[in-house]
Amino acid sequence: MRLLRVGFICVFLLMLAGGLFIGCGEAPPCETSLITLDETRLDAETYEEEAGETGAKVAELEEKLTAKERDIELMKDKPAELEKNVHELKKGSGRE
């Protein structure tokens, strides 16, 4: 039994060593046309521009969200005052 285990380990080590020395080999040459490469390059540039614009929009929306959250925090403690403002608005529009 022990001899079988030693043999298995030796075979495994030989296979591992063989795999390390052989490797995957050289990659085949790429057969892509220049037109496809140019189109891909243009697409990448477009996507990068769009990503920059989107990043700017995200930053702007995050600033607006922060401002709105700040406004909500300020209004949380003033329900009576807000109710009075709603009443005045309704009265001014003729609904009350």
N, C-alpha and C. Protein backbone atom coordinates (compact mmCIF):
# COMPACT_ATOMS: atom_id res chain seq x y z
N MET A 1 0.83 -1.18 0.00
CA MET A 1 0.00 0.00 0.00
C MET A 1 0.88 1.25 0.00
N ARG A 2 1.91 1.21 0.82
CA ARG A 2 2.80 2.36 0.92
C ARG A 2 3.55 2.55 -0.40
N LEU A 3 3.91 1.47 -1.06
CA LEU A 3 4.61 1.54 -2.35
C LEU A 3 3.71 2.17 -3.41
N LEU A 4 2.43 1.86 -3.36
CA LEU A 4 1.47 2.43 -4.30
C LEU A 4 1.36 3.94 -4.09
N ARG A 5 1.35 4.38 -2.86
CA ARG A 5 1.25 5.79 -2.54
C ARG A 5 2.50 6.54 -3.02
N VAL A 6 3.66 5.96 -2.82
CA VAL A 6 4.91 6.57 -3.26
C VAL A 6 4.95 6.64 -4.78
N GLY A 7 4.48 5.60 -5.43
CA GLY A 7 4.43 5.59 -6.89
C GLY A 7 3.49 6.65 -7.43
N PHE A 8 2.35 6.81 -6.77
CA PHE A 8 1.40 7.83 -7.18
C PHE A 8 2.00 9.23 -7.03
N ILE A 9 2.70 9.46 -5.95
CA ILE A 9 3.33 10.77 -5.72
C ILE A 9 4.39 11.02 -6.78
N CYS A 10 5.19 10.01 -7.11
CA CYS A 10 6.23 10.17 -8.14
C CYS A 10 5.62 10.49 -9.50
N VAL A 11 4.57 9.79 -9.87
CA VAL A 11 3.91 10.04 -11.16
C VAL A 11 3.33 11.46 -11.17
N PHE A 12 2.72 11.87 -10.09
CA PHE A 12 2.17 13.22 -10.00
C PHE A 12 3.25 14.28 -10.15
N LEU A 13 4.38 14.09 -9.48
CA LEU A 13 5.47 15.05 -9.58
C LEU A 13 6.06 15.10 -10.98
N LEU A 14 6.16 13.96 -11.65
CA LEU A 14 6.66 13.94 -13.02
C LEU A 14 5.70 14.66 -13.97
N MET A 15 4.42 14.44 -13.78
CA MET A 15 3.43 15.13 -14.62
C MET A 15 3.48 16.64 -14.38
N LEU A 16 3.63 17.03 -13.13
CA LEU A 16 3.71 18.44 -12.80
C LEU A 16 4.95 19.07 -13.41
N ALA A 17 6.07 18.41 -13.29
CA ALA A 17 7.32 18.93 -13.86
C ALA A 17 7.22 19.00 -15.38
N GLY A 18 6.64 18.02 -16.01
CA GLY A 18 6.48 18.03 -17.46
C GLY A 18 5.59 19.17 -17.91
N GLY A 19 4.54 19.42 -17.18
CA GLY A 19 3.64 20.53 -17.51
C GLY A 19 4.32 21.87 -17.37
N LEU A 20 5.18 22.02 -16.40
CA LEU A 20 5.87 23.29 -16.21
C LEU A 20 6.87 23.56 -17.34
N PHE A 21 7.51 22.51 -17.82
CA PHE A 21 8.52 22.70 -18.87
C PHE A 21 7.89 22.86 -20.26
N ILE A 22 6.79 22.20 -20.49
CA ILE A 22 6.15 22.28 -21.80
C ILE A 22 5.37 23.59 -21.94
N GLY A 23 4.57 23.92 -20.94
CA GLY A 23 3.80 25.16 -20.97
C GLY A 23 2.69 25.11 -22.01
N CYS A 24 2.17 26.28 -22.33
CA CYS A 24 1.06 26.38 -23.27
C CYS A 24 1.53 26.60 -24.70
N GLY A 25 2.75 26.96 -24.89
CA GLY A 25 3.26 27.21 -26.23
C GLY A 25 3.01 28.64 -26.67
N GLU A 26 3.42 28.94 -27.86
CA GLU A 26 3.30 30.29 -28.40
C GLU A 26 1.89 30.51 -28.92
N ALA A 27 1.38 31.70 -28.71
CA ALA A 27 0.04 32.04 -29.17
C ALA A 27 0.04 32.20 -30.68
N PRO A 28 -1.04 31.75 -31.34
CA PRO A 28 -1.12 31.92 -32.79
C PRO A 28 -1.29 33.40 -33.15
N PRO A 29 -0.88 33.80 -34.33
CA PRO A 29 -1.01 35.20 -34.73
C PRO A 29 -2.49 35.58 -34.85
N CYS A 30 -2.76 36.83 -34.56
CA CYS A 30 -4.13 37.34 -34.62
C CYS A 30 -4.48 37.67 -36.07
N GLU A 31 -5.63 37.19 -36.51
CA GLU A 31 -6.06 37.42 -37.88
C GLU A 31 -7.24 38.39 -37.89
N THR A 32 -6.99 39.64 -37.51
CA THR A 32 -8.03 40.67 -37.45
C THR A 32 -7.68 41.76 -38.46
N SER A 33 -8.69 42.23 -39.15
CA SER A 33 -8.43 43.27 -40.15
C SER A 33 -8.17 44.62 -39.48
N LEU A 34 -7.50 45.49 -40.20
CA LEU A 34 -7.21 46.82 -39.67
C LEU A 34 -8.48 47.63 -39.48
N ILE A 35 -9.47 47.39 -40.31
CA ILE A 35 -10.75 48.10 -40.19
C ILE A 35 -11.41 47.74 -38.86
N THR A 36 -11.40 46.46 -38.52
CA THR A 36 -11.99 46.03 -37.26
C THR A 36 -11.24 46.64 -36.09
N LEU A 37 -9.93 46.69 -36.17
CA LEU A 37 -9.13 47.30 -35.10
C LEU A 37 -9.46 48.79 -34.94
N ASP A 38 -9.57 49.51 -36.06
CA ASP A 38 -9.91 50.93 -35.99
C ASP A 38 -11.30 51.15 -35.41
N GLU A 39 -12.26 50.34 -35.83
CA GLU A 39 -13.61 50.46 -35.29
C GLU A 39 -13.63 50.19 -33.79
N THR A 40 -12.89 49.19 -33.37
CA THR A 40 -12.82 48.86 -31.95
C THR A 40 -12.17 49.99 -31.17
N ARG A 41 -11.13 50.59 -31.74
CA ARG A 41 -10.45 51.70 -31.08
C ARG A 41 -11.40 52.90 -30.94
N LEU A 42 -12.16 53.20 -32.00
CA LEU A 42 -13.13 54.30 -31.94
C LEU A 42 -14.23 54.03 -30.91
N ASP A 43 -14.69 52.78 -30.88
CA ASP A 43 -15.70 52.41 -29.89
C ASP A 43 -15.16 52.61 -28.48
N ALA A 44 -13.92 52.21 -28.25
CA ALA A 44 -13.32 52.36 -26.93
C ALA A 44 -13.22 53.84 -26.54
N GLU A 45 -12.85 54.69 -27.48
CA GLU A 45 -12.76 56.12 -27.19
C GLU A 45 -14.14 56.69 -26.85
N THR A 46 -15.16 56.25 -27.59
CA THR A 46 -16.52 56.71 -27.32
C THR A 46 -16.96 56.27 -25.93
N TYR A 47 -16.69 55.01 -25.59
CA TYR A 47 -17.08 54.50 -24.28
C TYR A 47 -16.35 55.24 -23.16
N GLU A 48 -15.10 55.59 -23.37
CA GLU A 48 -14.35 56.33 -22.36
C GLU A 48 -14.94 57.73 -22.16
N GLU A 49 -15.33 58.39 -23.26
CA GLU A 49 -15.96 59.71 -23.15
C GLU A 49 -17.28 59.61 -22.39
N GLU A 50 -18.09 58.60 -22.74
CA GLU A 50 -19.37 58.42 -22.07
C GLU A 50 -19.18 58.11 -20.59
N ALA A 51 -18.15 57.34 -20.27
CA ALA A 51 -17.87 57.03 -18.87
C ALA A 51 -17.49 58.29 -18.10
N GLY A 52 -16.72 59.18 -18.73
CA GLY A 52 -16.36 60.44 -18.08
C GLY A 52 -17.58 61.31 -17.84
N GLU A 53 -18.47 61.40 -18.86
CA GLU A 53 -19.69 62.19 -18.71
C GLU A 53 -20.59 61.60 -17.63
N THR A 54 -20.68 60.28 -17.60
CA THR A 54 -21.51 59.62 -16.60
C THR A 54 -20.94 59.86 -15.20
N GLY A 55 -19.62 59.83 -15.08
CA GLY A 55 -19.00 60.11 -13.78
C GLY A 55 -19.31 61.51 -13.30
N ALA A 56 -19.30 62.48 -14.22
CA ALA A 56 -19.63 63.85 -13.85
C ALA A 56 -21.10 63.97 -13.42
N LYS A 57 -22.00 63.28 -14.15
CA LYS A 57 -23.42 63.30 -13.78
C LYS A 57 -23.64 62.66 -12.42
N VAL A 58 -22.93 61.57 -12.16
CA VAL A 58 -23.07 60.90 -10.86
C VAL A 58 -22.63 61.83 -9.74
N ALA A 59 -21.52 62.51 -9.94
CA ALA A 59 -21.04 63.44 -8.91
C ALA A 59 -22.06 64.56 -8.67
N GLU A 60 -22.63 65.08 -9.75
CA GLU A 60 -23.63 66.14 -9.63
C GLU A 60 -24.87 65.64 -8.88
N LEU A 61 -25.33 64.43 -9.23
CA LEU A 61 -26.52 63.88 -8.56
C LEU A 61 -26.24 63.57 -7.10
N GLU A 62 -25.03 63.14 -6.79
CA GLU A 62 -24.69 62.88 -5.39
C GLU A 62 -24.70 64.18 -4.58
N GLU A 63 -24.24 65.28 -5.18
CA GLU A 63 -24.29 66.57 -4.50
C GLU A 63 -25.74 66.99 -4.25
N LYS A 64 -26.61 66.81 -5.27
CA LYS A 64 -28.02 67.16 -5.11
C LYS A 64 -28.67 66.30 -4.02
N LEU A 65 -28.33 65.01 -4.02
CA LEU A 65 -28.89 64.11 -3.00
C LEU A 65 -28.45 64.53 -1.61
N THR A 66 -27.21 64.90 -1.46
CA THR A 66 -26.71 65.35 -0.16
C THR A 66 -27.45 66.62 0.28
N ALA A 67 -27.67 67.54 -0.65
CA ALA A 67 -28.39 68.77 -0.32
C ALA A 67 -29.83 68.46 0.09
N LYS A 68 -30.50 67.55 -0.63
CA LYS A 68 -31.88 67.19 -0.28
C LYS A 68 -31.94 66.50 1.07
N GLU A 69 -30.97 65.62 1.35
CA GLU A 69 -30.95 64.95 2.65
C GLU A 69 -30.75 65.97 3.77
N ARG A 70 -29.92 66.96 3.51
CA ARG A 70 -29.70 68.02 4.49
C ARG A 70 -31.00 68.80 4.72
N ASP A 71 -31.72 69.11 3.63
CA ASP A 71 -33.01 69.81 3.75
C ASP A 71 -34.01 68.99 4.56
N ILE A 72 -34.04 67.69 4.31
CA ILE A 72 -34.97 66.81 5.04
C ILE A 72 -34.63 66.80 6.53
N GLU A 73 -33.36 66.75 6.84
CA GLU A 73 -32.95 66.77 8.25
C GLU A 73 -33.37 68.08 8.93
N LEU A 74 -33.27 69.19 8.20
CA LEU A 74 -33.67 70.47 8.77
C LEU A 74 -35.18 70.54 8.98
N MET A 75 -35.95 69.91 8.09
CA MET A 75 -37.41 69.97 8.16
C MET A 75 -37.99 68.96 9.13
N LYS A 76 -37.24 67.96 9.52
CA LYS A 76 -37.75 66.91 10.40
C LYS A 76 -38.27 67.48 11.72
N ASP A 77 -37.60 68.48 12.23
CA ASP A 77 -37.93 69.01 13.54
C ASP A 77 -39.00 70.11 13.48
N LYS A 78 -39.58 70.37 12.31
CA LYS A 78 -40.52 71.48 12.16
C LYS A 78 -41.85 71.06 11.54
N PRO A 79 -42.50 70.02 12.04
CA PRO A 79 -43.76 69.60 11.41
C PRO A 79 -44.89 70.62 11.56
N ALA A 80 -44.95 71.32 12.69
CA ALA A 80 -46.03 72.30 12.88
C ALA A 80 -45.87 73.46 11.91
N GLU A 81 -44.65 73.93 11.75
CA GLU A 81 -44.38 75.03 10.82
C GLU A 81 -44.69 74.63 9.38
N LEU A 82 -44.33 73.40 9.02
CA LEU A 82 -44.61 72.93 7.67
C LEU A 82 -46.11 72.78 7.45
N GLU A 83 -46.82 72.29 8.46
CA GLU A 83 -48.28 72.16 8.35
C GLU A 83 -48.92 73.53 8.14
N LYS A 84 -48.42 74.53 8.83
CA LYS A 84 -48.92 75.90 8.69
C LYS A 84 -48.68 76.40 7.26
N ASN A 85 -47.50 76.12 6.71
CA ASN A 85 -47.18 76.53 5.33
C ASN A 85 -48.12 75.86 4.33
N VAL A 86 -48.41 74.58 4.55
CA VAL A 86 -49.34 73.87 3.66
C VAL A 86 -50.72 74.51 3.75
N HIS A 87 -51.15 74.82 4.94
CA HIS A 87 -52.45 75.46 5.13
C HIS A 87 -52.51 76.80 4.39
N GLU A 88 -51.46 77.60 4.49
CA GLU A 88 -51.41 78.89 3.82
C GLU A 88 -51.42 78.71 2.30
N LEU A 89 -50.71 77.72 1.80
CA LEU A 89 -50.70 77.47 0.36
C LEU A 89 -52.08 77.05 -0.14
N LYS A 90 -52.75 76.19 0.62
CA LYS A 90 -54.08 75.77 0.22
C LYS A 90 -55.05 76.95 0.23
N LYS A 91 -54.96 77.78 1.24
CA LYS A 91 -55.83 78.93 1.35
C LYS A 91 -55.58 79.90 0.18
N GLY A 92 -54.34 80.09 -0.19
CA GLY A 92 -54.00 81.01 -1.27
C GLY A 92 -54.43 80.48 -2.63
N SER A 93 -54.57 79.18 -2.78
CA SER A 93 -54.98 78.62 -4.07
C SER A 93 -56.48 78.45 -4.17
N GLY A 94 -57.20 78.76 -3.09
CA GLY A 94 -58.65 78.67 -3.14
C GLY A 94 -59.18 77.28 -2.81
N ARG A 95 -58.36 76.40 -2.35
CA ARG A 95 -58.83 75.05 -2.01
C ARG A 95 -59.35 74.96 -0.59
N GLU A 96 -59.19 76.02 0.17
CA GLU A 96 -59.65 75.96 1.54
C GLU A 96 -60.44 77.16 1.92
